[in-house]
Amino acid sequence: TVDGKSAAYATAGVTIKNVKFDATANSKDVCINLGNGNTNTRYVSNVTVEECTFTDNDMTAAGVKSYTGGDKNLVITNCTATGMHSLLQVKNVENVTIKGCTIEGSKNGVSFGASSNVVVESSEMDCAGYGVRVDASVSTTLIVTDAEISAFIPVVARNATGNYNVAFNGANTKMNATNTDGIWCAIGATEYETSGT
């Protein structure tokens, strides 16, 4: 668990580098938990997870999780997730970057919730469910650059009650949808399902 008081220590941060997380031998649902038990005045900021591996065998554990809301500046770079539920499960984080990561044989890729300033770059995902998921309940942006995503639904923006910008950049960006509709980017009020809206 990474906890902090960014309101008092705005420049403080932590880097977790070159660590192997093995979730196969326990019932934990998360490897790195950000902001466990924080109140609205305590947030975790400036966290970098670099060159780490996350392994599970039943697709139930998340690599990095933050459901507190209000955290800032999260970077996950050059990490690998295998057999996980997902590499990332967060809500309401300001500035999130996934770069150079590989997710394979996992249930899902990365879920940002209603986070802002979200970037997925130079990453590869092979997932049974979604590749990238965001909640479009706030006016913000998702940028996908030079990413290869193969999933039931590669990119989904759910809870679309307002404006949401999704940008795909780079000659190496490739999307492979395994759903029967052939839809690789869905923006709608609910979670995407086959033959759904």
N, C-alpha and C. Protein backbone atom coordinates (compact mmCIF):
# COMPACT_ATOMS: atom_id res chain seq x y z
N THR A 1 0.84 -1.19 0.00
CA THR A 1 0.00 0.00 0.00
C THR A 1 0.88 1.24 0.00
N VAL A 2 0.58 2.16 -0.90
CA VAL A 2 1.28 3.45 -0.97
C VAL A 2 0.31 4.52 -0.51
N ASP A 3 0.68 5.23 0.54
CA ASP A 3 -0.19 6.26 1.09
C ASP A 3 0.61 7.56 1.15
N GLY A 4 -0.08 8.69 1.22
CA GLY A 4 0.66 9.94 1.27
C GLY A 4 -0.24 11.13 1.53
N LYS A 5 0.39 12.29 1.76
CA LYS A 5 -0.33 13.54 1.96
C LYS A 5 0.17 14.55 0.93
N SER A 6 -0.34 14.45 -0.29
CA SER A 6 0.18 15.33 -1.33
C SER A 6 -0.24 16.77 -1.11
N ALA A 7 -1.28 17.00 -0.30
CA ALA A 7 -1.64 18.38 -0.02
C ALA A 7 -0.53 19.08 0.75
N ALA A 8 0.18 18.34 1.59
CA ALA A 8 1.27 18.92 2.37
C ALA A 8 2.63 18.73 1.69
N TYR A 9 2.77 17.68 0.89
CA TYR A 9 4.05 17.36 0.26
C TYR A 9 3.84 17.17 -1.23
N ALA A 10 3.56 18.26 -1.93
CA ALA A 10 3.17 18.19 -3.34
C ALA A 10 4.25 17.61 -4.24
N THR A 11 5.52 17.74 -3.88
CA THR A 11 6.59 17.24 -4.74
C THR A 11 7.08 15.85 -4.34
N ALA A 12 6.56 15.32 -3.25
CA ALA A 12 7.00 14.00 -2.80
C ALA A 12 6.48 12.93 -3.75
N GLY A 13 7.23 11.85 -3.89
CA GLY A 13 6.80 10.77 -4.76
C GLY A 13 7.55 9.51 -4.47
N VAL A 14 7.19 8.44 -5.20
CA VAL A 14 7.85 7.16 -5.01
C VAL A 14 7.96 6.45 -6.35
N THR A 15 9.06 5.73 -6.54
CA THR A 15 9.24 4.89 -7.72
C THR A 15 9.38 3.44 -7.27
N ILE A 16 8.58 2.56 -7.85
CA ILE A 16 8.66 1.13 -7.59
C ILE A 16 9.23 0.52 -8.86
N LYS A 17 10.46 -0.01 -8.78
CA LYS A 17 11.16 -0.43 -9.99
C LYS A 17 11.70 -1.85 -9.88
N ASN A 18 11.53 -2.60 -10.98
CA ASN A 18 12.13 -3.93 -11.12
C ASN A 18 11.72 -4.88 -10.00
N VAL A 19 10.41 -4.92 -9.73
CA VAL A 19 9.88 -5.80 -8.69
C VAL A 19 8.97 -6.84 -9.36
N LYS A 20 9.06 -8.09 -8.93
CA LYS A 20 8.20 -9.14 -9.44
C LYS A 20 7.06 -9.37 -8.45
N PHE A 21 5.84 -9.13 -8.90
CA PHE A 21 4.66 -9.33 -8.07
C PHE A 21 3.99 -10.62 -8.51
N ASP A 22 3.85 -11.58 -7.59
CA ASP A 22 3.25 -12.87 -7.88
C ASP A 22 1.97 -13.01 -7.07
N ALA A 23 0.83 -12.94 -7.76
CA ALA A 23 -0.46 -13.03 -7.07
C ALA A 23 -1.04 -14.44 -7.13
N THR A 24 -0.25 -15.40 -7.57
CA THR A 24 -0.78 -16.75 -7.71
C THR A 24 -0.87 -17.50 -6.39
N ALA A 25 -0.15 -17.07 -5.38
CA ALA A 25 -0.07 -17.84 -4.13
C ALA A 25 -0.92 -17.26 -3.01
N ASN A 26 -1.73 -16.22 -3.30
CA ASN A 26 -2.56 -15.65 -2.23
C ASN A 26 -3.88 -15.18 -2.81
N SER A 27 -4.74 -14.70 -1.95
CA SER A 27 -6.07 -14.28 -2.39
C SER A 27 -6.19 -12.77 -2.54
N LYS A 28 -5.07 -12.08 -2.57
CA LYS A 28 -5.09 -10.62 -2.72
C LYS A 28 -5.70 -10.25 -4.07
N ASP A 29 -6.45 -9.15 -4.11
CA ASP A 29 -7.02 -8.72 -5.37
C ASP A 29 -6.22 -7.59 -6.01
N VAL A 30 -5.13 -7.19 -5.35
CA VAL A 30 -4.32 -6.11 -5.90
C VAL A 30 -2.87 -6.27 -5.43
N CYS A 31 -1.94 -5.93 -6.31
CA CYS A 31 -0.53 -5.99 -5.94
C CYS A 31 -0.05 -4.67 -5.33
N ILE A 32 -0.33 -3.55 -5.99
CA ILE A 32 0.03 -2.23 -5.47
C ILE A 32 -1.25 -1.44 -5.27
N ASN A 33 -1.53 -1.08 -4.02
CA ASN A 33 -2.74 -0.35 -3.67
C ASN A 33 -2.37 1.09 -3.35
N LEU A 34 -2.93 2.02 -4.10
CA LEU A 34 -2.65 3.45 -3.87
C LEU A 34 -3.75 4.07 -3.03
N GLY A 35 -3.36 4.74 -1.96
CA GLY A 35 -4.31 5.51 -1.19
C GLY A 35 -5.29 4.72 -0.37
N ASN A 36 -4.92 3.58 0.14
CA ASN A 36 -5.82 2.78 0.95
C ASN A 36 -6.26 3.54 2.18
N GLY A 37 -7.55 3.77 2.33
CA GLY A 37 -8.07 4.42 3.52
C GLY A 37 -7.94 5.94 3.52
N ASN A 38 -7.56 6.53 2.39
CA ASN A 38 -7.43 7.99 2.34
C ASN A 38 -8.79 8.66 2.50
N THR A 39 -8.77 9.85 3.07
CA THR A 39 -9.96 10.69 3.12
C THR A 39 -9.88 11.67 1.96
N ASN A 40 -10.82 12.57 1.86
CA ASN A 40 -10.83 13.53 0.76
C ASN A 40 -9.69 14.54 0.86
N THR A 41 -8.97 14.59 1.96
CA THR A 41 -7.86 15.55 2.09
C THR A 41 -6.51 14.87 1.95
N ARG A 42 -6.49 13.58 1.71
CA ARG A 42 -5.22 12.85 1.57
C ARG A 42 -5.21 12.11 0.24
N TYR A 43 -4.20 12.40 -0.58
CA TYR A 43 -4.09 11.77 -1.89
C TYR A 43 -2.67 11.27 -2.11
N VAL A 44 -2.55 10.32 -3.01
CA VAL A 44 -1.24 9.81 -3.39
C VAL A 44 -0.87 10.44 -4.73
N SER A 45 0.32 11.04 -4.79
CA SER A 45 0.75 11.69 -6.02
C SER A 45 2.16 11.27 -6.39
N ASN A 46 2.46 11.42 -7.69
CA ASN A 46 3.82 11.22 -8.20
C ASN A 46 4.33 9.81 -7.95
N VAL A 47 3.57 8.82 -8.42
CA VAL A 47 3.96 7.42 -8.29
C VAL A 47 4.36 6.89 -9.67
N THR A 48 5.54 6.27 -9.74
CA THR A 48 6.02 5.64 -10.96
C THR A 48 6.25 4.16 -10.70
N VAL A 49 5.66 3.33 -11.54
CA VAL A 49 5.87 1.88 -11.47
C VAL A 49 6.61 1.52 -12.75
N GLU A 50 7.83 1.01 -12.61
CA GLU A 50 8.72 0.86 -13.76
C GLU A 50 9.36 -0.53 -13.80
N GLU A 51 9.31 -1.16 -14.97
CA GLU A 51 9.99 -2.44 -15.22
C GLU A 51 9.60 -3.52 -14.21
N CYS A 52 8.33 -3.55 -13.84
CA CYS A 52 7.83 -4.56 -12.91
C CYS A 52 7.05 -5.62 -13.68
N THR A 53 6.97 -6.82 -13.11
CA THR A 53 6.16 -7.88 -13.68
C THR A 53 5.06 -8.27 -12.70
N PHE A 54 3.87 -8.51 -13.24
CA PHE A 54 2.71 -8.88 -12.44
C PHE A 54 2.18 -10.20 -12.99
N THR A 55 2.05 -11.21 -12.13
CA THR A 55 1.63 -12.54 -12.57
C THR A 55 0.51 -13.06 -11.69
N ASP A 56 -0.52 -13.61 -12.34
CA ASP A 56 -1.60 -14.29 -11.63
C ASP A 56 -1.97 -15.50 -12.46
N ASN A 57 -2.74 -16.43 -11.90
CA ASN A 57 -3.13 -17.60 -12.69
C ASN A 57 -4.63 -17.75 -12.86
N ASP A 58 -5.43 -16.87 -12.24
CA ASP A 58 -6.88 -16.99 -12.37
C ASP A 58 -7.56 -15.68 -12.75
N MET A 59 -6.77 -14.73 -13.21
CA MET A 59 -7.29 -13.45 -13.72
C MET A 59 -8.16 -12.71 -12.72
N THR A 60 -7.75 -12.70 -11.44
CA THR A 60 -8.55 -12.00 -10.43
C THR A 60 -7.83 -10.79 -9.82
N ALA A 61 -6.53 -10.70 -9.96
CA ALA A 61 -5.77 -9.63 -9.29
C ALA A 61 -5.45 -8.50 -10.26
N ALA A 62 -5.51 -7.28 -9.75
CA ALA A 62 -5.08 -6.10 -10.50
C ALA A 62 -3.65 -5.77 -10.12
N GLY A 63 -2.89 -5.26 -11.07
CA GLY A 63 -1.51 -4.87 -10.78
C GLY A 63 -1.45 -3.65 -9.89
N VAL A 64 -2.10 -2.56 -10.34
CA VAL A 64 -2.13 -1.30 -9.60
C VAL A 64 -3.58 -0.87 -9.47
N LYS A 65 -3.96 -0.46 -8.24
CA LYS A 65 -5.36 -0.08 -8.00
C LYS A 65 -5.43 1.19 -7.16
N SER A 66 -6.36 2.07 -7.53
CA SER A 66 -6.65 3.26 -6.73
C SER A 66 -8.11 3.62 -6.92
N TYR A 67 -8.92 3.36 -5.91
CA TYR A 67 -10.35 3.71 -5.97
C TYR A 67 -10.69 4.88 -5.06
N THR A 68 -9.66 5.51 -4.48
CA THR A 68 -9.91 6.63 -3.58
C THR A 68 -10.41 7.85 -4.33
N GLY A 69 -9.78 8.14 -5.46
CA GLY A 69 -10.10 9.35 -6.21
C GLY A 69 -9.26 10.51 -5.71
N GLY A 70 -8.85 11.37 -6.63
CA GLY A 70 -8.08 12.54 -6.25
C GLY A 70 -6.58 12.36 -6.34
N ASP A 71 -6.09 11.15 -6.64
CA ASP A 71 -4.65 10.94 -6.79
C ASP A 71 -4.17 11.62 -8.08
N LYS A 72 -2.86 11.91 -8.14
CA LYS A 72 -2.32 12.63 -9.30
C LYS A 72 -1.00 12.02 -9.74
N ASN A 73 -0.76 12.11 -11.05
CA ASN A 73 0.55 11.79 -11.64
C ASN A 73 0.98 10.35 -11.39
N LEU A 74 0.32 9.44 -12.08
CA LEU A 74 0.65 8.02 -12.03
C LEU A 74 1.23 7.61 -13.37
N VAL A 75 2.42 7.01 -13.34
CA VAL A 75 3.08 6.54 -14.56
C VAL A 75 3.42 5.07 -14.39
N ILE A 76 2.99 4.24 -15.34
CA ILE A 76 3.36 2.83 -15.37
C ILE A 76 4.10 2.61 -16.68
N THR A 77 5.37 2.23 -16.59
CA THR A 77 6.20 2.15 -17.78
C THR A 77 7.00 0.85 -17.82
N ASN A 78 7.05 0.26 -19.02
CA ASN A 78 7.84 -0.95 -19.27
C ASN A 78 7.52 -2.09 -18.31
N CYS A 79 6.24 -2.28 -18.01
CA CYS A 79 5.81 -3.36 -17.13
C CYS A 79 5.11 -4.45 -17.94
N THR A 80 5.05 -5.65 -17.35
CA THR A 80 4.40 -6.79 -17.99
C THR A 80 3.37 -7.39 -17.03
N ALA A 81 2.19 -7.70 -17.56
CA ALA A 81 1.15 -8.35 -16.77
C ALA A 81 0.72 -9.62 -17.49
N THR A 82 0.70 -10.74 -16.78
CA THR A 82 0.32 -12.03 -17.37
C THR A 82 -0.69 -12.73 -16.46
N GLY A 83 -1.82 -13.14 -17.03
CA GLY A 83 -2.83 -13.87 -16.28
C GLY A 83 -3.55 -13.04 -15.24
N MET A 84 -3.50 -11.72 -15.38
CA MET A 84 -4.09 -10.82 -14.39
C MET A 84 -5.55 -10.49 -14.73
N HIS A 85 -6.28 -9.94 -13.76
CA HIS A 85 -7.56 -9.33 -14.08
C HIS A 85 -7.32 -8.12 -14.96
N SER A 86 -6.30 -7.33 -14.59
CA SER A 86 -5.91 -6.14 -15.35
C SER A 86 -4.60 -5.61 -14.78
N LEU A 87 -3.91 -4.84 -15.58
CA LEU A 87 -2.70 -4.18 -15.09
C LEU A 87 -3.08 -3.00 -14.21
N LEU A 88 -4.17 -2.31 -14.55
CA LEU A 88 -4.53 -1.07 -13.85
C LEU A 88 -6.02 -0.98 -13.62
N GLN A 89 -6.42 -0.60 -12.39
CA GLN A 89 -7.80 -0.31 -12.02
C GLN A 89 -7.79 0.96 -11.18
N VAL A 90 -8.15 2.10 -11.77
CA VAL A 90 -8.15 3.36 -11.00
C VAL A 90 -9.42 4.15 -11.28
N LYS A 91 -9.69 5.11 -10.39
CA LYS A 91 -10.81 6.03 -10.56
C LYS A 91 -10.32 7.44 -10.24
N ASN A 92 -10.70 8.39 -11.06
CA ASN A 92 -10.49 9.81 -10.78
C ASN A 92 -9.05 10.17 -10.44
N VAL A 93 -8.12 9.71 -11.26
CA VAL A 93 -6.72 10.08 -11.12
C VAL A 93 -6.40 11.14 -12.17
N GLU A 94 -5.71 12.18 -11.78
CA GLU A 94 -5.33 13.23 -12.72
C GLU A 94 -3.93 12.94 -13.26
N ASN A 95 -3.83 12.79 -14.57
CA ASN A 95 -2.58 12.50 -15.27
C ASN A 95 -2.14 11.05 -15.05
N VAL A 96 -2.53 10.17 -15.98
CA VAL A 96 -2.17 8.76 -15.92
C VAL A 96 -1.53 8.38 -17.25
N THR A 97 -0.36 7.77 -17.20
CA THR A 97 0.34 7.35 -18.41
C THR A 97 0.71 5.88 -18.31
N ILE A 98 0.36 5.12 -19.35
CA ILE A 98 0.79 3.73 -19.53
C ILE A 98 1.71 3.74 -20.75
N LYS A 99 2.97 3.34 -20.58
CA LYS A 99 3.91 3.43 -21.70
C LYS A 99 4.82 2.20 -21.74
N GLY A 100 4.94 1.60 -22.92
CA GLY A 100 5.85 0.48 -23.10
C GLY A 100 5.48 -0.76 -22.32
N CYS A 101 4.19 -0.95 -22.05
CA CYS A 101 3.74 -2.09 -21.25
C CYS A 101 3.20 -3.21 -22.13
N THR A 102 3.27 -4.45 -21.60
CA THR A 102 2.73 -5.62 -22.28
C THR A 102 1.77 -6.33 -21.35
N ILE A 103 0.55 -6.57 -21.85
CA ILE A 103 -0.46 -7.29 -21.09
C ILE A 103 -0.89 -8.47 -21.94
N GLU A 104 -0.72 -9.69 -21.41
CA GLU A 104 -1.04 -10.87 -22.22
C GLU A 104 -1.73 -11.92 -21.38
N GLY A 105 -2.61 -12.68 -22.03
CA GLY A 105 -3.31 -13.76 -21.35
C GLY A 105 -4.07 -13.29 -20.14
N SER A 106 -4.55 -12.06 -20.17
CA SER A 106 -5.25 -11.48 -19.03
C SER A 106 -6.72 -11.23 -19.36
N LYS A 107 -7.53 -11.06 -18.32
CA LYS A 107 -8.95 -10.80 -18.54
C LYS A 107 -9.15 -9.45 -19.21
N ASN A 108 -8.48 -8.41 -18.69
CA ASN A 108 -8.62 -7.06 -19.22
C ASN A 108 -7.26 -6.37 -19.27
N GLY A 109 -7.25 -5.17 -19.83
CA GLY A 109 -6.01 -4.41 -19.93
C GLY A 109 -5.87 -3.37 -18.84
N VAL A 110 -6.41 -2.16 -19.09
CA VAL A 110 -6.31 -1.06 -18.14
C VAL A 110 -7.65 -0.35 -18.04
N SER A 111 -8.05 0.00 -16.83
CA SER A 111 -9.30 0.72 -16.59
C SER A 111 -8.99 2.01 -15.84
N PHE A 112 -9.39 3.13 -16.44
CA PHE A 112 -9.04 4.44 -15.89
C PHE A 112 -10.18 5.11 -15.12
N GLY A 113 -11.38 4.55 -15.17
CA GLY A 113 -12.50 5.24 -14.54
C GLY A 113 -12.64 6.63 -15.14
N ALA A 114 -13.06 7.60 -14.34
CA ALA A 114 -13.21 8.97 -14.81
C ALA A 114 -11.94 9.77 -14.56
N SER A 115 -10.80 9.20 -14.94
CA SER A 115 -9.53 9.91 -14.78
C SER A 115 -9.36 10.92 -15.90
N SER A 116 -8.47 11.87 -15.70
CA SER A 116 -8.25 12.91 -16.72
C SER A 116 -6.82 12.87 -17.22
N ASN A 117 -6.65 13.34 -18.45
CA ASN A 117 -5.33 13.36 -19.09
C ASN A 117 -4.72 11.97 -19.11
N VAL A 118 -5.39 11.06 -19.84
CA VAL A 118 -5.01 9.66 -19.89
C VAL A 118 -4.27 9.38 -21.19
N VAL A 119 -3.11 8.70 -21.07
CA VAL A 119 -2.29 8.38 -22.24
C VAL A 119 -1.92 6.90 -22.20
N VAL A 120 -2.11 6.21 -23.33
CA VAL A 120 -1.63 4.84 -23.52
C VAL A 120 -0.70 4.89 -24.73
N GLU A 121 0.56 4.53 -24.51
CA GLU A 121 1.56 4.71 -25.57
C GLU A 121 2.47 3.49 -25.68
N SER A 122 2.76 3.11 -26.92
CA SER A 122 3.74 2.05 -27.23
C SER A 122 3.54 0.81 -26.37
N SER A 123 2.30 0.38 -26.24
CA SER A 123 1.97 -0.77 -25.40
C SER A 123 1.24 -1.83 -26.23
N GLU A 124 1.32 -3.09 -25.76
CA GLU A 124 0.63 -4.20 -26.41
C GLU A 124 -0.27 -4.89 -25.41
N MET A 125 -1.51 -5.17 -25.84
CA MET A 125 -2.48 -5.82 -24.97
C MET A 125 -3.17 -6.94 -25.72
N ASP A 126 -3.28 -8.10 -25.08
CA ASP A 126 -4.02 -9.24 -25.61
C ASP A 126 -4.93 -9.72 -24.48
N CYS A 127 -6.20 -9.35 -24.55
CA CYS A 127 -7.12 -9.54 -23.43
C CYS A 127 -8.42 -10.19 -23.87
N ALA A 128 -9.07 -10.88 -22.94
CA ALA A 128 -10.35 -11.51 -23.23
C ALA A 128 -11.49 -10.50 -23.22
N GLY A 129 -11.41 -9.47 -22.38
CA GLY A 129 -12.49 -8.50 -22.24
C GLY A 129 -12.18 -7.19 -22.95
N TYR A 130 -11.95 -6.14 -22.18
CA TYR A 130 -11.60 -4.85 -22.76
C TYR A 130 -10.09 -4.65 -22.73
N GLY A 131 -9.61 -3.82 -23.64
CA GLY A 131 -8.20 -3.42 -23.62
C GLY A 131 -8.04 -2.17 -22.78
N VAL A 132 -8.70 -1.09 -23.21
CA VAL A 132 -8.67 0.19 -22.49
C VAL A 132 -10.10 0.58 -22.19
N ARG A 133 -10.37 0.90 -20.91
CA ARG A 133 -11.72 1.34 -20.52
C ARG A 133 -11.64 2.64 -19.76
N VAL A 134 -12.49 3.58 -20.13
CA VAL A 134 -12.60 4.85 -19.42
C VAL A 134 -14.07 5.13 -19.15
N ASP A 135 -14.32 5.98 -18.16
CA ASP A 135 -15.67 6.46 -17.90
C ASP A 135 -15.76 7.87 -18.44
N ALA A 136 -16.64 8.08 -19.41
CA ALA A 136 -16.74 9.37 -20.07
C ALA A 136 -17.72 10.30 -19.37
N SER A 137 -17.70 10.30 -18.05
CA SER A 137 -18.64 11.11 -17.28
C SER A 137 -18.11 12.52 -17.04
N VAL A 138 -16.87 12.77 -17.46
CA VAL A 138 -16.31 14.11 -17.36
C VAL A 138 -15.73 14.47 -18.72
N SER A 139 -15.62 15.76 -18.98
CA SER A 139 -15.05 16.20 -20.25
C SER A 139 -13.54 16.12 -20.16
N THR A 140 -12.96 15.15 -20.82
CA THR A 140 -11.53 14.91 -20.72
C THR A 140 -11.06 14.18 -21.96
N THR A 141 -9.84 13.65 -21.96
CA THR A 141 -9.28 13.08 -23.18
C THR A 141 -8.52 11.79 -22.89
N LEU A 142 -8.65 10.83 -23.81
CA LEU A 142 -7.85 9.63 -23.84
C LEU A 142 -7.04 9.66 -25.13
N ILE A 143 -5.72 9.50 -25.03
CA ILE A 143 -4.86 9.48 -26.20
C ILE A 143 -4.19 8.11 -26.28
N VAL A 144 -4.39 7.42 -27.40
CA VAL A 144 -3.78 6.12 -27.65
C VAL A 144 -2.79 6.29 -28.80
N THR A 145 -1.50 6.04 -28.53
CA THR A 145 -0.46 6.24 -29.54
C THR A 145 0.40 5.00 -29.68
N ASP A 146 0.55 4.54 -30.92
CA ASP A 146 1.41 3.39 -31.22
C ASP A 146 1.15 2.21 -30.30
N ALA A 147 -0.12 1.89 -30.12
CA ALA A 147 -0.50 0.76 -29.27
C ALA A 147 -1.15 -0.32 -30.12
N GLU A 148 -0.90 -1.58 -29.76
CA GLU A 148 -1.54 -2.72 -30.42
C GLU A 148 -2.43 -3.40 -29.39
N ILE A 149 -3.74 -3.39 -29.65
CA ILE A 149 -4.69 -3.93 -28.68
C ILE A 149 -5.59 -4.95 -29.35
N SER A 150 -5.56 -6.18 -28.83
CA SER A 150 -6.46 -7.24 -29.27
C SER A 150 -7.31 -7.63 -28.08
N ALA A 151 -8.63 -7.46 -28.21
CA ALA A 151 -9.54 -7.73 -27.10
C ALA A 151 -10.96 -7.88 -27.64
N PHE A 152 -11.85 -8.35 -26.78
CA PHE A 152 -13.27 -8.40 -27.15
C PHE A 152 -13.72 -7.01 -27.60
N ILE A 153 -13.39 -5.99 -26.81
CA ILE A 153 -13.59 -4.60 -27.20
C ILE A 153 -12.29 -3.85 -26.86
N PRO A 154 -11.49 -3.50 -27.85
CA PRO A 154 -10.19 -2.87 -27.58
C PRO A 154 -10.29 -1.58 -26.77
N VAL A 155 -11.23 -0.68 -27.13
CA VAL A 155 -11.36 0.59 -26.40
C VAL A 155 -12.84 0.85 -26.15
N VAL A 156 -13.18 1.13 -24.89
CA VAL A 156 -14.56 1.44 -24.55
C VAL A 156 -14.61 2.63 -23.60
N ALA A 157 -15.47 3.60 -23.95
CA ALA A 157 -15.77 4.73 -23.07
C ALA A 157 -17.22 4.57 -22.64
N ARG A 158 -17.42 4.22 -21.37
CA ARG A 158 -18.77 3.99 -20.87
C ARG A 158 -19.22 5.20 -20.05
N ASN A 159 -20.48 5.16 -19.61
CA ASN A 159 -21.07 6.27 -18.83
C ASN A 159 -20.92 7.59 -19.57
N ALA A 160 -21.14 7.56 -20.87
CA ALA A 160 -20.94 8.75 -21.70
C ALA A 160 -22.13 9.70 -21.57
N THR A 161 -22.07 10.52 -20.53
CA THR A 161 -23.13 11.50 -20.29
C THR A 161 -22.70 12.90 -20.71
N GLY A 162 -21.44 13.06 -21.08
CA GLY A 162 -20.95 14.36 -21.51
C GLY A 162 -20.01 14.18 -22.67
N ASN A 163 -19.23 15.20 -22.96
CA ASN A 163 -18.26 15.11 -24.05
C ASN A 163 -17.05 14.30 -23.63
N TYR A 164 -16.53 13.51 -24.58
CA TYR A 164 -15.31 12.77 -24.31
C TYR A 164 -14.53 12.66 -25.59
N ASN A 165 -13.24 12.96 -25.53
CA ASN A 165 -12.37 12.94 -26.70
C ASN A 165 -11.47 11.72 -26.66
N VAL A 166 -11.50 10.92 -27.72
CA VAL A 166 -10.61 9.78 -27.87
C VAL A 166 -9.77 10.02 -29.12
N ALA A 167 -8.45 10.01 -28.97
CA ALA A 167 -7.56 10.24 -30.11
C ALA A 167 -6.66 9.03 -30.31
N PHE A 168 -6.56 8.59 -31.56
CA PHE A 168 -5.67 7.49 -31.92
C PHE A 168 -4.57 8.05 -32.81
N ASN A 169 -3.32 7.88 -32.38
CA ASN A 169 -2.18 8.44 -33.10
C ASN A 169 -1.15 7.37 -33.39
N GLY A 170 -0.29 7.62 -34.37
CA GLY A 170 0.86 6.76 -34.63
C GLY A 170 0.59 5.70 -35.68
N ALA A 171 1.56 5.49 -36.53
CA ALA A 171 1.44 4.50 -37.60
C ALA A 171 1.38 3.08 -37.08
N ASN A 172 1.83 2.84 -35.86
CA ASN A 172 1.86 1.50 -35.29
C ASN A 172 0.62 1.16 -34.47
N THR A 173 -0.37 2.03 -34.43
CA THR A 173 -1.59 1.76 -33.68
C THR A 173 -2.44 0.76 -34.45
N LYS A 174 -2.74 -0.38 -33.80
CA LYS A 174 -3.53 -1.43 -34.43
C LYS A 174 -4.55 -1.94 -33.43
N MET A 175 -5.80 -2.08 -33.88
CA MET A 175 -6.88 -2.57 -33.04
C MET A 175 -7.47 -3.83 -33.64
N ASN A 176 -7.62 -4.89 -32.82
CA ASN A 176 -8.24 -6.13 -33.26
C ASN A 176 -9.38 -6.45 -32.31
N ALA A 177 -10.61 -6.34 -32.81
CA ALA A 177 -11.79 -6.61 -31.99
C ALA A 177 -12.26 -8.03 -32.21
N THR A 178 -12.48 -8.77 -31.11
CA THR A 178 -12.97 -10.14 -31.24
C THR A 178 -14.47 -10.24 -31.04
N ASN A 179 -15.17 -9.10 -30.83
CA ASN A 179 -16.63 -9.14 -30.71
C ASN A 179 -17.26 -9.38 -32.08
N THR A 180 -18.48 -9.88 -32.09
CA THR A 180 -19.13 -10.24 -33.36
C THR A 180 -19.55 -9.04 -34.18
N ASP A 181 -19.60 -7.85 -33.58
CA ASP A 181 -19.98 -6.64 -34.31
C ASP A 181 -18.81 -6.02 -35.06
N GLY A 182 -17.58 -6.42 -34.73
CA GLY A 182 -16.42 -5.82 -35.37
C GLY A 182 -16.15 -4.40 -34.91
N ILE A 183 -16.67 -4.03 -33.75
CA ILE A 183 -16.49 -2.67 -33.22
C ILE A 183 -15.24 -2.65 -32.35
N TRP A 184 -14.30 -1.74 -32.65
CA TRP A 184 -13.07 -1.69 -31.85
C TRP A 184 -13.00 -0.47 -30.94
N CYS A 185 -13.92 0.48 -31.11
CA CYS A 185 -14.02 1.61 -30.17
C CYS A 185 -15.49 1.90 -29.95
N ALA A 186 -15.95 1.75 -28.72
CA ALA A 186 -17.36 1.98 -28.40
C ALA A 186 -17.48 3.09 -27.37
N ILE A 187 -18.32 4.06 -27.65
CA ILE A 187 -18.61 5.14 -26.70
C ILE A 187 -20.10 5.13 -26.47
N GLY A 188 -20.52 4.90 -25.22
CA GLY A 188 -21.94 4.80 -24.93
C GLY A 188 -22.25 4.94 -23.47
N ALA A 189 -23.54 4.83 -23.16
CA ALA A 189 -24.00 5.04 -21.79
C ALA A 189 -23.68 3.85 -20.89
N THR A 190 -23.52 2.66 -21.47
CA THR A 190 -23.30 1.46 -20.67
C THR A 190 -22.05 0.73 -21.17
N GLU A 191 -21.72 -0.33 -20.48
CA GLU A 191 -20.61 -1.18 -20.90
C GLU A 191 -20.96 -1.82 -22.23
N TYR A 192 -19.97 -1.93 -23.13
CA TYR A 192 -20.25 -2.52 -24.43
C TYR A 192 -20.42 -4.03 -24.32
N GLU A 193 -21.44 -4.56 -24.99
CA GLU A 193 -21.65 -5.99 -25.13
C GLU A 193 -22.01 -6.28 -26.57
N THR A 194 -21.81 -7.50 -27.01
CA THR A 194 -22.14 -7.86 -28.40
C THR A 194 -23.58 -7.52 -28.71
N SER A 195 -23.78 -6.93 -29.86
CA SER A 195 -25.10 -6.47 -30.33
C SER A 195 -25.66 -5.38 -29.43
N GLY A 196 -24.80 -4.73 -28.68
CA GLY A 196 -25.24 -3.64 -27.80
C GLY A 196 -25.21 -2.31 -28.54
N THR A 197 -25.54 -1.27 -27.83
CA THR A 197 -25.55 0.06 -28.42
C THR A 197 -24.17 0.67 -28.34
